[in-house]
Amino acid sequence: MKHLLRCNSCRIYTMKDPCPKCGNKSLSPKPPKYSPVDKYAKYRRVGKLEQRKKEGLL
């Protein structure tokens, strides 16, 4: 069974691993599974905070 994939560069949905439009890697559009015992949540929050500071949003 194939899954729906999304190209991050041209933002189209496809079922092929390299994007047929631009040739970049297609990724799963699904978010990661939620877990109340998330070992990496702290690192994700720090990364998002740094990214927002870099973009001038904070």
N, C-alpha and C. Protein backbone atom coordinates (compact mmCIF):
# COMPACT_ATOMS: atom_id res chain seq x y z
N MET A 1 0.84 -1.17 0.00
CA MET A 1 0.00 0.00 0.00
C MET A 1 0.89 1.24 0.00
N LYS A 2 0.65 2.14 -0.92
CA LYS A 2 1.42 3.38 -1.00
C LYS A 2 0.73 4.47 -0.20
N HIS A 3 1.52 5.40 0.30
CA HIS A 3 0.99 6.50 1.07
C HIS A 3 1.15 7.81 0.31
N LEU A 4 0.36 8.76 0.67
CA LEU A 4 0.42 10.09 0.07
C LEU A 4 1.64 10.82 0.61
N LEU A 5 2.40 11.44 -0.26
CA LEU A 5 3.60 12.18 0.11
C LEU A 5 3.45 13.63 -0.32
N ARG A 6 4.26 14.51 0.28
CA ARG A 6 4.20 15.93 -0.07
C ARG A 6 5.61 16.44 -0.30
N CYS A 7 5.79 17.18 -1.36
CA CYS A 7 7.07 17.81 -1.66
C CYS A 7 7.12 19.15 -0.92
N ASN A 8 8.16 19.37 -0.12
CA ASN A 8 8.26 20.61 0.65
C ASN A 8 8.68 21.80 -0.20
N SER A 9 9.38 21.57 -1.28
CA SER A 9 9.85 22.71 -2.08
C SER A 9 8.76 23.26 -3.00
N CYS A 10 8.03 22.39 -3.72
CA CYS A 10 6.98 22.91 -4.61
C CYS A 10 5.58 22.70 -4.04
N ARG A 11 5.46 22.08 -2.87
CA ARG A 11 4.22 21.94 -2.11
C ARG A 11 3.10 21.23 -2.87
N ILE A 12 3.45 20.18 -3.61
CA ILE A 12 2.41 19.38 -4.26
C ILE A 12 2.36 18.01 -3.59
N TYR A 13 1.22 17.37 -3.68
CA TYR A 13 1.04 16.03 -3.14
C TYR A 13 1.24 15.03 -4.26
N THR A 14 1.93 13.94 -3.94
CA THR A 14 2.23 12.93 -4.93
C THR A 14 2.36 11.58 -4.24
N MET A 15 2.42 10.52 -5.02
CA MET A 15 2.66 9.19 -4.46
C MET A 15 4.04 8.69 -4.84
N LYS A 16 4.82 9.50 -5.53
CA LYS A 16 6.16 9.12 -5.95
C LYS A 16 7.19 9.72 -5.02
N ASP A 17 8.26 8.95 -4.71
CA ASP A 17 9.25 9.42 -3.75
C ASP A 17 10.03 10.63 -4.24
N PRO A 18 10.69 10.59 -5.37
CA PRO A 18 11.20 11.88 -5.83
C PRO A 18 10.04 12.63 -6.49
N CYS A 19 9.93 13.88 -6.17
CA CYS A 19 8.84 14.69 -6.71
C CYS A 19 8.92 14.72 -8.24
N PRO A 20 7.83 14.42 -8.94
CA PRO A 20 7.87 14.43 -10.41
C PRO A 20 8.03 15.83 -11.00
N LYS A 21 7.69 16.86 -10.24
CA LYS A 21 7.76 18.23 -10.74
C LYS A 21 9.16 18.82 -10.60
N CYS A 22 9.76 18.68 -9.40
CA CYS A 22 11.06 19.32 -9.17
C CYS A 22 12.19 18.32 -8.91
N GLY A 23 11.88 17.07 -8.58
CA GLY A 23 12.91 16.05 -8.37
C GLY A 23 13.42 15.97 -6.93
N ASN A 24 12.91 16.81 -6.02
CA ASN A 24 13.33 16.75 -4.62
C ASN A 24 12.63 15.61 -3.90
N LYS A 25 13.13 15.27 -2.71
CA LYS A 25 12.56 14.18 -1.93
C LYS A 25 11.18 14.55 -1.40
N SER A 26 10.23 13.63 -1.53
CA SER A 26 8.88 13.82 -1.01
C SER A 26 8.80 13.21 0.38
N LEU A 27 8.10 13.88 1.29
CA LEU A 27 8.00 13.44 2.68
C LEU A 27 6.55 13.19 3.05
N SER A 28 6.35 12.46 4.13
CA SER A 28 5.01 12.19 4.62
C SER A 28 4.43 13.47 5.24
N PRO A 29 3.19 13.85 4.90
CA PRO A 29 2.60 15.07 5.45
C PRO A 29 2.03 14.87 6.85
N LYS A 30 2.07 13.64 7.36
CA LYS A 30 1.49 13.35 8.67
C LYS A 30 2.39 13.86 9.79
N PRO A 31 1.82 14.43 10.83
CA PRO A 31 2.64 14.85 11.98
C PRO A 31 3.10 13.62 12.76
N PRO A 32 4.15 13.76 13.57
CA PRO A 32 4.58 12.63 14.37
C PRO A 32 3.51 12.22 15.39
N LYS A 33 3.53 10.97 15.76
CA LYS A 33 2.56 10.44 16.70
C LYS A 33 2.71 11.12 18.07
N TYR A 34 1.60 11.48 18.70
CA TYR A 34 1.63 12.15 20.00
C TYR A 34 1.93 11.15 21.11
N SER A 35 2.76 11.54 22.03
CA SER A 35 3.05 10.74 23.20
C SER A 35 3.20 11.66 24.41
N PRO A 36 2.53 11.37 25.51
CA PRO A 36 2.70 12.22 26.70
C PRO A 36 4.10 12.11 27.29
N VAL A 37 4.80 11.03 26.99
CA VAL A 37 6.17 10.85 27.46
C VAL A 37 7.10 11.11 26.27
N ASP A 38 7.19 12.35 25.85
CA ASP A 38 7.98 12.73 24.69
C ASP A 38 9.38 13.15 25.13
N LYS A 39 10.37 12.36 24.74
CA LYS A 39 11.75 12.62 25.16
C LYS A 39 12.36 13.82 24.45
N TYR A 40 11.85 14.18 23.30
CA TYR A 40 12.48 15.20 22.47
C TYR A 40 11.68 16.50 22.40
N ALA A 41 10.61 16.65 23.18
CA ALA A 41 9.78 17.85 23.13
C ALA A 41 10.57 19.10 23.49
N LYS A 42 11.44 18.99 24.48
CA LYS A 42 12.24 20.14 24.90
C LYS A 42 13.10 20.65 23.74
N TYR A 43 13.72 19.73 23.02
CA TYR A 43 14.59 20.11 21.92
C TYR A 43 13.81 20.73 20.76
N ARG A 44 12.59 20.23 20.51
CA ARG A 44 11.76 20.80 19.45
C ARG A 44 11.34 22.22 19.80
N ARG A 45 10.97 22.44 21.08
CA ARG A 45 10.57 23.78 21.50
C ARG A 45 11.73 24.77 21.38
N VAL A 46 12.92 24.34 21.79
CA VAL A 46 14.10 25.21 21.69
C VAL A 46 14.40 25.51 20.22
N GLY A 47 14.30 24.51 19.36
CA GLY A 47 14.54 24.71 17.94
C GLY A 47 13.55 25.66 17.31
N LYS A 48 12.27 25.53 17.66
CA LYS A 48 11.26 26.44 17.13
C LYS A 48 11.48 27.86 17.62
N LEU A 49 11.87 28.01 18.88
CA LEU A 49 12.13 29.33 19.44
C LEU A 49 13.30 30.00 18.71
N GLU A 50 14.37 29.25 18.48
CA GLU A 50 15.53 29.80 17.75
C GLU A 50 15.16 30.18 16.33
N GLN A 51 14.37 29.34 15.67
CA GLN A 51 13.94 29.62 14.30
C GLN A 51 13.11 30.90 14.23
N ARG A 52 12.20 31.07 15.19
CA ARG A 52 11.36 32.27 15.21
C ARG A 52 12.17 33.52 15.50
N LYS A 53 13.17 33.40 16.36
CA LYS A 53 14.05 34.54 16.64
C LYS A 53 14.85 34.91 15.38
N LYS A 54 15.29 33.89 14.66
CA LYS A 54 16.06 34.10 13.44
C LYS A 54 15.23 34.81 12.36
N GLU A 55 13.93 34.46 12.31
CA GLU A 55 13.03 35.06 11.32
C GLU A 55 12.49 36.42 11.78
N GLY A 56 12.80 36.81 13.01
CA GLY A 56 12.37 38.09 13.51
C GLY A 56 10.93 38.11 14.00
N LEU A 57 10.38 36.97 14.32
CA LEU A 57 9.00 36.89 14.79
C LEU A 57 8.90 37.09 16.30
N LEU A 58 10.02 36.96 17.00
CA LEU A 58 10.03 37.18 18.45
C LEU A 58 11.00 38.26 18.82
